[in-house]
């Protein structure tokens, strides 16, 4: 059923799953964060998969590397938001570590993928 090139990419699939996890976690943040940290972390996590997809469709290799770079930056933004959420006691240490480790795994996959684009 896959019709788009990016659907086959493991990094896109993992980014999609990660974005949904972040969205669910952000729903637990206090209402005062609805337009601040909650919005920021959701937008950044969505940008990871969005940029992978955009870079994979009809782009030159340098363009695809550029969009993977954008995804990596968005993931770094999510990690920073997770640190903020932990410091503000919106998430537990165990949830933080789970998401942090997933992010670390994804960023390593994206970095390796970017290096292999010739």
PDB file of N, CA and C in Angstrom:
ATOM      1  N   UNK A   1       0.823  -1.196   0.000  1.00  0.00           N
ATOM      2  CA  UNK A   1       0.000   0.000   0.000  1.00  0.00           C
ATOM      3  C   UNK A   1       0.868   1.262   0.000  1.00  0.00           C
ATOM      4  N   UNK A   2       2.164   1.114   0.244  1.00  0.00           N
ATOM      5  CA  UNK A   2       3.047   2.283   0.269  1.00  0.00           C
ATOM      6  C   UNK A   2       3.138   2.888  -1.125  1.00  0.00           C
ATOM      7  N   UNK A   3       2.818   4.161  -1.217  1.00  0.00           N
ATOM      8  CA  UNK A   3       2.850   4.833  -2.505  1.00  0.00           C
ATOM      9  C   UNK A   3       3.909   5.918  -2.558  1.00  0.00           C
ATOM     10  N   UNK A   4       4.339   6.384  -1.400  1.00  0.00           N
ATOM     11  CA  UNK A   4       5.352   7.434  -1.345  1.00  0.00           C
ATOM     12  C   UNK A   4       6.663   6.850  -0.848  1.00  0.00           C
ATOM     13  N   UNK A   5       7.742   7.329  -1.418  1.00  0.00           N
ATOM     14  CA  UNK A   5       9.075   6.842  -1.086  1.00  0.00           C
ATOM     15  C   UNK A   5       9.366   6.905   0.422  1.00  0.00           C
ATOM     16  N   UNK A   6       8.951   7.987   1.061  1.00  0.00           N
ATOM     17  CA  UNK A   6       9.284   8.166   2.482  1.00  0.00           C
ATOM     18  C   UNK A   6       8.609   7.158   3.384  1.00  0.00           C
ATOM     19  N   UNK A   7       7.493   6.579   2.950  1.00  0.00           N
ATOM     20  CA  UNK A   7       6.779   5.604   3.785  1.00  0.00           C
ATOM     21  C   UNK A   7       7.626   4.368   4.070  1.00  0.00           C
ATOM     22  N   UNK A   8       8.570   4.094   3.179  1.00  0.00           N
ATOM     23  CA  UNK A   8       9.442   2.927   3.342  1.00  0.00           C
ATOM     24  C   UNK A   8      10.607   3.211   4.280  1.00  0.00           C
ATOM     25  N   UNK A   9      10.868   4.474   4.556  1.00  0.00           N
ATOM     26  CA  UNK A   9      12.019   4.840   5.377  1.00  0.00           C
ATOM     27  C   UNK A   9      11.753   4.551   6.857  1.00  0.00           C
ATOM     28  N   UNK A  10      12.617   3.764   7.460  1.00  0.00           N
ATOM     29  CA  UNK A  10      12.489   3.429   8.886  1.00  0.00           C
ATOM     30  C   UNK A  10      12.556   4.702   9.734  1.00  0.00           C
ATOM     31  N   UNK A  11      13.408   5.651   9.337  1.00  0.00           N
ATOM     32  CA  UNK A  11      13.513   6.885  10.125  1.00  0.00           C
ATOM     33  C   UNK A  11      12.202   7.669  10.099  1.00  0.00           C
ATOM     34  N   UNK A  12      11.503   7.639   8.975  1.00  0.00           N
ATOM     35  CA  UNK A  12      10.196   8.312   8.896  1.00  0.00           C
ATOM     36  C   UNK A  12       9.187   7.587   9.792  1.00  0.00           C
ATOM     37  N   UNK A  13       9.169   6.264   9.726  1.00  0.00           N
ATOM     38  CA  UNK A  13       8.243   5.473  10.549  1.00  0.00           C
ATOM     39  C   UNK A  13       8.494   5.715  12.034  1.00  0.00           C
ATOM     40  N   UNK A  14       9.776   5.711  12.424  1.00  0.00           N
ATOM     41  CA  UNK A  14      10.113   5.949  13.837  1.00  0.00           C
ATOM     42  C   UNK A  14       9.754   7.376  14.244  1.00  0.00           C
ATOM     43  N   UNK A  15       9.993   8.335  13.364  1.00  0.00           N
ATOM     44  CA  UNK A  15       9.647   9.729  13.653  1.00  0.00           C
ATOM     45  C   UNK A  15       8.133   9.895  13.806  1.00  0.00           C
ATOM     46  N   UNK A  16       7.371   9.189  12.995  1.00  0.00           N
ATOM     47  CA  UNK A  16       5.903   9.237  13.108  1.00  0.00           C
ATOM     48  C   UNK A  16       5.467   8.705  14.474  1.00  0.00           C
ATOM     49  N   UNK A  17       5.995   7.556  14.868  1.00  0.00           N
ATOM     50  CA  UNK A  17       5.649   6.960  16.168  1.00  0.00           C
ATOM     51  C   UNK A  17       6.070   7.873  17.321  1.00  0.00           C
ATOM     52  N   UNK A  18       7.281   8.409  17.221  1.00  0.00           N
ATOM     53  CA  UNK A  18       7.801   9.299  18.266  1.00  0.00           C
ATOM     54  C   UNK A  18       6.920  10.538  18.400  1.00  0.00           C
ATOM     55  N   UNK A  19       6.512  11.098  17.283  1.00  0.00           N
ATOM     56  CA  UNK A  19       5.636  12.267  17.311  1.00  0.00           C
ATOM     57  C   UNK A  19       4.318  11.987  18.019  1.00  0.00           C
ATOM     58  N   UNK A  20       3.777  10.806  17.812  1.00  0.00           N
ATOM     59  CA  UNK A  20       2.515  10.450  18.476  1.00  0.00           C
ATOM     60  C   UNK A  20       2.723  10.268  19.982  1.00  0.00           C
ATOM     61  N   UNK A  21       3.861   9.699  20.366  1.00  0.00           N
ATOM     62  CA  UNK A  21       4.171   9.570  21.794  1.00  0.00           C
ATOM     63  C   UNK A  21       4.290  10.945  22.452  1.00  0.00           C
ATOM     64  N   UNK A  22       4.977  11.844  21.774  1.00  0.00           N
ATOM     65  CA  UNK A  22       5.143  13.200  22.304  1.00  0.00           C
ATOM     66  C   UNK A  22       3.790  13.891  22.418  1.00  0.00           C
ATOM     67  N   UNK A  23       2.959  13.723  21.422  1.00  0.00           N
ATOM     68  CA  UNK A  23       1.624  14.327  21.464  1.00  0.00           C
ATOM     69  C   UNK A  23       0.834  13.829  22.670  1.00  0.00           C
ATOM     70  N   UNK A  24       0.891  12.546  22.921  1.00  0.00           N
ATOM     71  CA  UNK A  24       0.169  11.975  24.073  1.00  0.00           C
ATOM     72  C   UNK A  24       0.725  12.503  25.396  1.00  0.00           C
ATOM     73  N   UNK A  25       2.032  12.560  25.510  1.00  0.00           N
ATOM     74  CA  UNK A  25       2.663  13.053  26.743  1.00  0.00           C
ATOM     75  C   UNK A  25       2.295  14.520  26.979  1.00  0.00           C
ATOM     76  N   UNK A  26       2.294  15.312  25.915  1.00  0.00           N
ATOM     77  CA  UNK A  26       2.029  16.751  26.068  1.00  0.00           C
ATOM     78  C   UNK A  26       0.608  17.032  26.557  1.00  0.00           C
ATOM     79  N   UNK A  27      -0.293  16.104  26.353  1.00  0.00           N
ATOM     80  CA  UNK A  27      -1.668  16.279  26.837  1.00  0.00           C
ATOM     81  C   UNK A  27      -1.732  16.306  28.362  1.00  0.00           C
ATOM     82  N   UNK A  28      -0.683  15.789  28.998  1.00  0.00           N
ATOM     83  CA  UNK A  28      -0.631  15.760  30.468  1.00  0.00           C
ATOM     84  C   UNK A  28      -0.049  17.040  31.064  1.00  0.00           C
ATOM     85  N   UNK A  29       0.500  17.905  30.207  1.00  0.00           N
ATOM     86  CA  UNK A  29       1.064  19.158  30.706  1.00  0.00           C
ATOM     87  C   UNK A  29      -0.078  20.033  31.233  1.00  0.00           C
ATOM     88  N   UNK A  30       0.217  20.933  32.152  1.00  0.00           N
ATOM     89  CA  UNK A  30      -0.844  21.812  32.677  1.00  0.00           C
ATOM     90  C   UNK A  30      -1.435  22.707  31.587  1.00  0.00           C
ATOM     91  N   UNK A  31      -2.665  23.139  31.811  1.00  0.00           N
ATOM     92  CA  UNK A  31      -3.356  23.998  30.847  1.00  0.00           C
ATOM     93  C   UNK A  31      -2.575  25.261  30.524  1.00  0.00           C
ATOM     94  N   UNK A  32      -1.832  25.781  31.500  1.00  0.00           N
ATOM     95  CA  UNK A  32      -1.079  27.018  31.263  1.00  0.00           C
ATOM     96  C   UNK A  32      -0.009  26.837  30.187  1.00  0.00           C
ATOM     97  N   UNK A  33       0.343  25.589  29.868  1.00  0.00           N
ATOM     98  CA  UNK A  33       1.349  25.312  28.849  1.00  0.00           C
ATOM     99  C   UNK A  33       0.746  25.035  27.472  1.00  0.00           C
ATOM    100  N   UNK A  34      -0.572  25.094  27.356  1.00  0.00           N
ATOM    101  CA  UNK A  34      -1.248  24.748  26.100  1.00  0.00           C
ATOM    102  C   UNK A  34      -0.673  25.498  24.899  1.00  0.00           C
ATOM    103  N   UNK A  35      -0.429  26.785  25.050  1.00  0.00           N
ATOM    104  CA  UNK A  35       0.075  27.593  23.939  1.00  0.00           C
ATOM    105  C   UNK A  35       1.570  27.846  24.034  1.00  0.00           C
ATOM    106  N   UNK A  36       2.214  27.203  24.989  1.00  0.00           N
ATOM    107  CA  UNK A  36       3.653  27.367  25.166  1.00  0.00           C
ATOM    108  C   UNK A  36       4.364  26.036  24.927  1.00  0.00           C
ATOM    109  N   UNK A  37       4.773  25.393  25.999  1.00  0.00           N
ATOM    110  CA  UNK A  37       5.587  24.189  25.873  1.00  0.00           C
ATOM    111  C   UNK A  37       4.852  23.058  25.149  1.00  0.00           C
ATOM    112  N   UNK A  38       3.578  22.862  25.432  1.00  0.00           N
ATOM    113  CA  UNK A  38       2.817  21.795  24.761  1.00  0.00           C
ATOM    114  C   UNK A  38       2.798  22.005  23.252  1.00  0.00           C
ATOM    115  N   UNK A  39       2.492  23.209  22.856  1.00  0.00           N
ATOM    116  CA  UNK A  39       2.446  23.529  21.432  1.00  0.00           C
ATOM    117  C   UNK A  39       3.828  23.380  20.794  1.00  0.00           C
ATOM    118  N   UNK A  40       4.836  23.875  21.466  1.00  0.00           N
ATOM    119  CA  UNK A  40       6.200  23.849  20.930  1.00  0.00           C
ATOM    120  C   UNK A  40       6.700  22.425  20.726  1.00  0.00           C
ATOM    121  N   UNK A  41       6.511  21.577  21.730  1.00  0.00           N
ATOM    122  CA  UNK A  41       7.022  20.208  21.629  1.00  0.00           C
ATOM    123  C   UNK A  41       6.262  19.416  20.562  1.00  0.00           C
ATOM    124  N   UNK A  42       4.973  19.670  20.425  1.00  0.00           N
ATOM    125  CA  UNK A  42       4.185  18.975  19.393  1.00  0.00           C
ATOM    126  C   UNK A  42       4.587  19.428  17.995  1.00  0.00           C
ATOM    127  N   UNK A  43       4.754  20.726  17.808  1.00  0.00           N
ATOM    128  CA  UNK A  43       5.152  21.229  16.494  1.00  0.00           C
ATOM    129  C   UNK A  43       6.539  20.713  16.113  1.00  0.00           C
ATOM    130  N   UNK A  44       7.451  20.722  17.068  1.00  0.00           N
ATOM    131  CA  UNK A  44       8.808  20.248  16.787  1.00  0.00           C
ATOM    132  C   UNK A  44       8.815  18.751  16.482  1.00  0.00           C
ATOM    133  N   UNK A  45       8.051  17.977  17.240  1.00  0.00           N
ATOM    134  CA  UNK A  45       8.042  16.528  16.990  1.00  0.00           C
ATOM    135  C   UNK A  45       7.381  16.199  15.657  1.00  0.00           C
ATOM    136  N   UNK A  46       6.355  16.954  15.278  1.00  0.00           N
ATOM    137  CA  UNK A  46       5.741  16.751  13.966  1.00  0.00           C
ATOM    138  C   UNK A  46       6.706  17.124  12.845  1.00  0.00           C
ATOM    139  N   UNK A  47       7.516  18.135  13.068  1.00  0.00           N
ATOM    140  CA  UNK A  47       8.459  18.592  12.041  1.00  0.00           C
ATOM    141  C   UNK A  47       9.508  17.541  11.694  1.00  0.00           C
ATOM    142  N   UNK A  48       9.780  16.641  12.605  1.00  0.00           N
ATOM    143  CA  UNK A  48      10.781  15.603  12.332  1.00  0.00           C
ATOM    144  C   UNK A  48      10.337  14.777  11.121  1.00  0.00           C
ATOM    145  N   UNK A  49       9.163  14.178  11.201  1.00  0.00           N
ATOM    146  CA  UNK A  49       8.656  13.343  10.100  1.00  0.00           C
ATOM    147  C   UNK A  49       8.313  14.182   8.870  1.00  0.00           C
ATOM    148  N   UNK A  50       7.783  15.375   9.096  1.00  0.00           N
ATOM    149  CA  UNK A  50       7.409  16.231   7.966  1.00  0.00           C
ATOM    150  C   UNK A  50       8.625  16.568   7.103  1.00  0.00           C
ATOM    151  N   UNK A  51       9.740  16.887   7.725  1.00  0.00           N
ATOM    152  CA  UNK A  51      10.935  17.231   6.962  1.00  0.00           C
ATOM    153  C   UNK A  51      11.561  16.019   6.291  1.00  0.00           C
ATOM    154  N   UNK A  52      11.493  14.869   6.930  1.00  0.00           N
ATOM    155  CA  UNK A  52      11.977  13.647   6.276  1.00  0.00           C
ATOM    156  C   UNK A  52      11.175  13.398   5.005  1.00  0.00           C
ATOM    157  N   UNK A  53       9.857  13.516   5.105  1.00  0.00           N
ATOM    158  CA  UNK A  53       8.991  13.298   3.947  1.00  0.00           C
ATOM    159  C   UNK A  53       9.271  14.328   2.856  1.00  0.00           C
ATOM    160  N   UNK A  54       9.328  15.594   3.235  1.00  0.00           N
ATOM    161  CA  UNK A  54       9.541  16.642   2.244  1.00  0.00           C
ATOM    162  C   UNK A  54      10.871  16.468   1.520  1.00  0.00           C
ATOM    163  N   UNK A  55      11.899  16.089   2.256  1.00  0.00           N
ATOM    164  CA  UNK A  55      13.209  15.912   1.645  1.00  0.00           C
ATOM    165  C   UNK A  55      13.314  14.710   0.731  1.00  0.00           C
ATOM    166  N   UNK A  56      12.424  13.746   0.891  1.00  0.00           N
ATOM    167  CA  UNK A  56      12.532  12.513   0.108  1.00  0.00           C
ATOM    168  C   UNK A  56      11.771  12.571  -1.211  1.00  0.00           C
ATOM    169  N   UNK A  57      10.964  13.575  -1.406  1.00  0.00           N
ATOM    170  CA  UNK A  57      10.126  13.636  -2.608  1.00  0.00           C
ATOM    171  C   UNK A  57      10.752  14.557  -3.645  1.00  0.00           C
ATOM    172  N   UNK A  58      11.267  13.961  -4.690  1.00  0.00           N
ATOM    173  CA  UNK A  58      11.757  14.706  -5.836  1.00  0.00           C
ATOM    174  C   UNK A  58      12.852  15.717  -5.554  1.00  0.00           C
ATOM    175  N   UNK A  59      13.598  15.490  -4.510  1.00  0.00           N
ATOM    176  CA  UNK A  59      14.661  16.424  -4.155  1.00  0.00           C
ATOM    177  C   UNK A  59      16.004  15.875  -4.627  1.00  0.00           C
ATOM    178  N   UNK A  60      16.927  16.770  -4.866  1.00  0.00           N
ATOM    179  CA  UNK A  60      18.296  16.353  -5.149  1.00  0.00           C
ATOM    180  C   UNK A  60      18.910  15.824  -3.852  1.00  0.00           C
ATOM    181  N   UNK A  61      20.012  15.126  -3.963  1.00  0.00           N
ATOM    182  CA  UNK A  61      20.665  14.611  -2.760  1.00  0.00           C
ATOM    183  C   UNK A  61      21.066  15.718  -1.789  1.00  0.00           C
ATOM    184  N   UNK A  62      21.642  16.830  -2.265  1.00  0.00           N
ATOM    185  CA  UNK A  62      21.950  17.906  -1.312  1.00  0.00           C
ATOM    186  C   UNK A  62      20.697  18.457  -0.618  1.00  0.00           C
ATOM    187  N   UNK A  63      19.602  18.531  -1.356  1.00  0.00           N
ATOM    188  CA  UNK A  63      18.347  18.997  -0.758  1.00  0.00           C
ATOM    189  C   UNK A  63      17.848  17.996   0.282  1.00  0.00           C
ATOM    190  N   UNK A  64      17.930  16.715  -0.034  1.00  0.00           N
ATOM    191  CA  UNK A  64      17.484  15.703   0.919  1.00  0.00           C
ATOM    192  C   UNK A  64      18.329  15.761   2.190  1.00  0.00           C
ATOM    193  N   UNK A  65      19.642  15.922   2.051  1.00  0.00           N
ATOM    194  CA  UNK A  65      20.516  16.063   3.234  1.00  0.00           C
ATOM    195  C   UNK A  65      20.114  17.282   4.051  1.00  0.00           C
ATOM    196  N   UNK A  66      19.769  18.368   3.365  1.00  0.00           N
ATOM    197  CA  UNK A  66      19.361  19.587   4.060  1.00  0.00           C
ATOM    198  C   UNK A  66      18.098  19.341   4.889  1.00  0.00           C
ATOM    199  N   UNK A  67      17.123  18.660   4.320  1.00  0.00           N
ATOM    200  CA  UNK A  67      15.879  18.400   5.050  1.00  0.00           C
ATOM    201  C   UNK A  67      16.075  17.422   6.203  1.00  0.00           C
ATOM    202  N   UNK A  68      16.975  16.450   6.044  1.00  0.00           N
ATOM    203  CA  UNK A  68      17.304  15.569   7.170  1.00  0.00           C
ATOM    204  C   UNK A  68      17.943  16.401   8.277  1.00  0.00           C
ATOM    205  N   UNK A  69      18.752  17.373   7.894  1.00  0.00           N
ATOM    206  CA  UNK A  69      19.338  18.295   8.876  1.00  0.00           C
ATOM    207  C   UNK A  69      18.260  19.057   9.641  1.00  0.00           C
ATOM    208  N   UNK A  70      17.231  19.491   8.932  1.00  0.00           N
ATOM    209  CA  UNK A  70      16.112  20.171   9.601  1.00  0.00           C
ATOM    210  C   UNK A  70      15.440  19.224  10.600  1.00  0.00           C
ATOM    211  N   UNK A  71      15.286  17.960  10.202  1.00  0.00           N
ATOM    212  CA  UNK A  71      14.678  16.967  11.099  1.00  0.00           C
ATOM    213  C   UNK A  71      15.516  16.770  12.353  1.00  0.00           C
ATOM    214  N   UNK A  72      16.818  16.715  12.174  1.00  0.00           N
ATOM    215  CA  UNK A  72      17.718  16.545  13.311  1.00  0.00           C
ATOM    216  C   UNK A  72      17.602  17.735  14.260  1.00  0.00           C
ATOM    217  N   UNK A  73      17.520  18.930  13.706  1.00  0.00           N
ATOM    218  CA  UNK A  73      17.359  20.132  14.541  1.00  0.00           C
ATOM    219  C   UNK A  73      16.030  20.109  15.293  1.00  0.00           C
ATOM    220  N   UNK A  74      14.987  19.659  14.629  1.00  0.00           N
ATOM    221  CA  UNK A  74      13.681  19.561  15.293  1.00  0.00           C
ATOM    222  C   UNK A  74      13.727  18.554  16.434  1.00  0.00           C
ATOM    223  N   UNK A  75      14.428  17.462  16.221  1.00  0.00           N
ATOM    224  CA  UNK A  75      14.564  16.464  17.282  1.00  0.00           C
ATOM    225  C   UNK A  75      15.331  17.036  18.470  1.00  0.00           C
ATOM    226  N   UNK A  76      16.359  17.822  18.198  1.00  0.00           N
ATOM    227  CA  UNK A  76      17.103  18.478  19.290  1.00  0.00           C
ATOM    228  C   UNK A  76      16.184  19.432  20.054  1.00  0.00           C
ATOM    229  N   UNK A  77      15.299  20.086  19.346  1.00  0.00           N
ATOM    230  CA  UNK A  77      14.327  20.978  19.987  1.00  0.00           C
ATOM    231  C   UNK A  77      13.384  20.182  20.893  1.00  0.00           C
ATOM    232  N   UNK A  78      12.933  19.035  20.427  1.00  0.00           N
ATOM    233  CA  UNK A  78      12.062  18.177  21.244  1.00  0.00           C
ATOM    234  C   UNK A  78      12.785  17.757  22.516  1.00  0.00           C
ATOM    235  N   UNK A  79      14.049  17.352  22.386  1.00  0.00           N
ATOM    236  CA  UNK A  79      14.819  16.925  23.557  1.00  0.00           C
ATOM    237  C   UNK A  79      14.924  18.077  24.561  1.00  0.00           C
ATOM    238  N   UNK A  80      15.160  19.276  24.082  1.00  0.00           N
ATOM    239  CA  UNK A  80      15.230  20.433  24.975  1.00  0.00           C
ATOM    240  C   UNK A  80      13.889  20.663  25.666  1.00  0.00           C
ATOM    241  N   UNK A  81      12.798  20.500  24.931  1.00  0.00           N
ATOM    242  CA  UNK A  81      11.470  20.623  25.541  1.00  0.00           C
ATOM    243  C   UNK A  81      11.249  19.536  26.595  1.00  0.00           C
ATOM    244  N   UNK A  82      11.765  18.341  26.340  1.00  0.00           N
ATOM    245  CA  UNK A  82      11.646  17.267  27.333  1.00  0.00           C
ATOM    246  C   UNK A  82      12.399  17.624  28.612  1.00  0.00           C
ATOM    247  N   UNK A  83      13.577  18.210  28.467  1.00  0.00           N
ATOM    248  CA  UNK A  83      14.307  18.672  29.645  1.00  0.00           C
ATOM    249  C   UNK A  83      13.486  19.711  30.408  1.00  0.00           C
ATOM    250  N   UNK A  84      12.869  20.638  29.679  1.00  0.00           N
ATOM    251  CA  UNK A  84      12.025  21.661  30.315  1.00  0.00           C
ATOM    252  C   UNK A  84      10.865  20.993  31.057  1.00  0.00           C
ATOM    253  N   UNK A  85      10.221  20.037  30.408  1.00  0.00           N
ATOM    254  CA  UNK A  85       9.084  19.347  31.021  1.00  0.00           C
ATOM    255  C   UNK A  85       9.501  18.593  32.281  1.00  0.00           C
ATOM    256  N   UNK A  86      10.664  17.987  32.240  1.00  0.00           N
ATOM    257  CA  UNK A  86      11.163  17.268  33.421  1.00  0.00           C
ATOM    258  C   UNK A  86      11.464  18.249  34.552  1.00  0.00           C
ATOM    259  N   UNK A  87      12.133  19.346  34.219  1.00  0.00           N
ATOM    260  CA  UNK A  87      12.469  20.349  35.241  1.00  0.00           C
ATOM    261  C   UNK A  87      11.232  20.961  35.882  1.00  0.00           C
ATOM    262  N   UNK A  88      10.174  21.064  35.097  1.00  0.00           N
ATOM    263  CA  UNK A  88       8.924  21.640  35.614  1.00  0.00           C
ATOM    264  C   UNK A  88       8.011  20.579  36.224  1.00  0.00           C
ATOM    265  N   UNK A  89       8.504  19.359  36.282  1.00  0.00           N
ATOM    266  CA  UNK A  89       7.787  18.224  36.888  1.00  0.00           C
ATOM    267  C   UNK A  89       6.486  17.888  36.155  1.00  0.00           C
ATOM    268  N   UNK A  90       6.498  18.057  34.823  1.00  0.00           N
ATOM    269  CA  UNK A  90       5.346  17.663  34.009  1.00  0.00           C
ATOM    270  C   UNK A  90       5.460  16.206  33.582  1.00  0.00           C
ATOM    271  N   UNK A  91       6.692  15.689  33.576  1.00  0.00           N
ATOM    272  CA  UNK A  91       6.926  14.277  33.265  1.00  0.00           C
ATOM    273  C   UNK A  91       7.870  13.698  34.314  1.00  0.00           C
ATOM    274  N   UNK A  92       7.752  12.403  34.505  1.00  0.00           N
ATOM    275  CA  UNK A  92       8.616  11.718  35.465  1.00  0.00           C
ATOM    276  C   UNK A  92       9.992  11.470  34.854  1.00  0.00           C
ATOM    277  N   UNK A  93      10.918  11.139  35.704  1.00  0.00           N
ATOM    278  CA  UNK A  93      12.264  10.795  35.245  1.00  0.00           C
ATOM    279  C   UNK A  93      12.219   9.593  34.307  1.00  0.00           C
ATOM    280  N   UNK A  94      11.397   8.606  34.611  1.00  0.00           N
ATOM    281  CA  UNK A  94      11.356   7.399  33.771  1.00  0.00           C
ATOM    282  C   UNK A  94      10.776   7.707  32.382  1.00  0.00           C
ATOM    283  N   UNK A  95       9.746   8.531  32.308  1.00  0.00           N
ATOM    284  CA  UNK A  95       9.201   8.928  31.003  1.00  0.00           C
ATOM    285  C   UNK A  95      10.232   9.744  30.241  1.00  0.00           C
ATOM    286  N   UNK A  96      10.902  10.662  30.952  1.00  0.00           N
ATOM    287  CA  UNK A  96      11.950  11.454  30.321  1.00  0.00           C
ATOM    288  C   UNK A  96      13.011  10.540  29.715  1.00  0.00           C
ATOM    289  N   UNK A  97      13.499   9.582  30.503  1.00  0.00           N
ATOM    290  CA  UNK A  97      14.568   8.697  30.031  1.00  0.00           C
ATOM    291  C   UNK A  97      14.126   7.843  28.846  1.00  0.00           C
ATOM    292  N   UNK A  98      12.899   7.369  28.880  1.00  0.00           N
ATOM    293  CA  UNK A  98      12.374   6.569  27.764  1.00  0.00           C
ATOM    294  C   UNK A  98      12.377   7.399  26.477  1.00  0.00           C
ATOM    295  N   UNK A  99      11.819   8.610  26.538  1.00  0.00           N
ATOM    296  CA  UNK A  99      11.744   9.461  25.362  1.00  0.00           C
ATOM    297  C   UNK A  99      13.120   9.972  24.937  1.00  0.00           C
ATOM    298  N   UNK A 100      13.961  10.283  25.907  1.00  0.00           N
ATOM    299  CA  UNK A 100      15.322  10.730  25.628  1.00  0.00           C
ATOM    300  C   UNK A 100      16.094   9.641  24.873  1.00  0.00           C
ATOM    301  N   UNK A 101      15.980   8.405  25.342  1.00  0.00           N
ATOM    302  CA  UNK A 101      16.672   7.295  24.689  1.00  0.00           C
ATOM    303  C   UNK A 101      16.127   7.033  23.287  1.00  0.00           C
ATOM    304  N   UNK A 102      14.817   7.151  23.115  1.00  0.00           N
ATOM    305  CA  UNK A 102      14.235   7.014  21.775  1.00  0.00           C
ATOM    306  C   UNK A 102      14.766   8.106  20.853  1.00  0.00           C
ATOM    307  N   UNK A 103      14.814   9.327  21.363  1.00  0.00           N
ATOM    308  CA  UNK A 103      15.318  10.451  20.572  1.00  0.00           C
ATOM    309  C   UNK A 103      16.774  10.220  20.176  1.00  0.00           C
ATOM    310  N   UNK A 104      17.560   9.724  21.104  1.00  0.00           N
ATOM    311  CA  UNK A 104      18.978   9.458  20.835  1.00  0.00           C
ATOM    312  C   UNK A 104      19.128   8.407  19.735  1.00  0.00           C
ATOM    313  N   UNK A 105      18.306   7.378  19.806  1.00  0.00           N
ATOM    314  CA  UNK A 105      18.328   6.327  18.788  1.00  0.00           C
ATOM    315  C   UNK A 105      17.933   6.900  17.420  1.00  0.00           C
ATOM    316  N   UNK A 106      16.891   7.695  17.394  1.00  0.00           N
ATOM    317  CA  UNK A 106      16.414   8.274  16.134  1.00  0.00           C
ATOM    318  C   UNK A 106      17.449   9.232  15.545  1.00  0.00           C
ATOM    319  N   UNK A 107      18.051  10.061  16.380  1.00  0.00           N
ATOM    320  CA  UNK A 107      19.028  11.025  15.849  1.00  0.00           C
ATOM    321  C   UNK A 107      20.246  10.307  15.276  1.00  0.00           C
ATOM    322  N   UNK A 108      20.646   9.207  15.893  1.00  0.00           N
ATOM    323  CA  UNK A 108      21.753   8.418  15.342  1.00  0.00           C
ATOM    324  C   UNK A 108      21.379   7.793  14.008  1.00  0.00           C
ATOM    325  N   UNK A 109      20.149   7.312  13.899  1.00  0.00           N
ATOM    326  CA  UNK A 109      19.672   6.755  12.633  1.00  0.00           C
ATOM    327  C   UNK A 109      19.629   7.827  11.548  1.00  0.00           C
ATOM    328  N   UNK A 110      19.132   9.007  11.894  1.00  0.00           N
ATOM    329  CA  UNK A 110      19.041  10.086  10.908  1.00  0.00           C
ATOM    330  C   UNK A 110      20.423  10.561  10.486  1.00  0.00           C
ATOM    331  N   UNK A 111      21.355  10.645  11.414  1.00  0.00           N
ATOM    332  CA  UNK A 111      22.711  11.062  11.078  1.00  0.00           C
ATOM    333  C   UNK A 111      23.369  10.070  10.133  1.00  0.00           C
ATOM    334  N   UNK A 112      23.192   8.780  10.392  1.00  0.00           N
ATOM    335  CA  UNK A 112      23.749   7.750   9.525  1.00  0.00           C
ATOM    336  C   UNK A 112      23.084   7.799   8.146  1.00  0.00           C
ATOM    337  N   UNK A 113      21.781   7.993   8.124  1.00  0.00           N
ATOM    338  CA  UNK A 113      21.051   8.089   6.860  1.00  0.00           C
ATOM    339  C   UNK A 113      21.575   9.278   6.042  1.00  0.00           C
ATOM    340  N   UNK A 114      21.745  10.411   6.698  1.00  0.00           N
ATOM    341  CA  UNK A 114      22.215  11.622   6.006  1.00  0.00           C
ATOM    342  C   UNK A 114      23.615  11.401   5.421  1.00  0.00           C
ATOM    343  N   UNK A 115      24.481  10.743   6.183  1.00  0.00           N
ATOM    344  CA  UNK A 115      25.847  10.474   5.695  1.00  0.00           C
ATOM    345  C   UNK A 115      25.850   9.575   4.464  1.00  0.00           C
ATOM    346  N   UNK A 116      24.845   8.708   4.354  1.00  0.00           N
ATOM    347  CA  UNK A 116      24.800   7.775   3.230  1.00  0.00           C
ATOM    348  C   UNK A 116      24.127   8.334   1.978  1.00  0.00           C
ATOM    349  N   UNK A 117      23.611   9.533   2.053  1.00  0.00           N
ATOM    350  CA  UNK A 117      23.040  10.169   0.858  1.00  0.00           C
ATOM    351  C   UNK A 117      24.207  10.722   0.057  1.00  0.00           C
ATOM    352  N   UNK A 118      24.396  10.213  -1.112  1.00  0.00           N
ATOM    353  CA  UNK A 118      25.558  10.613  -1.939  1.00  0.00           C
ATOM    354  C   UNK A 118      25.215  11.734  -2.875  1.00  0.00           C
TER     355      UNK A 118
END
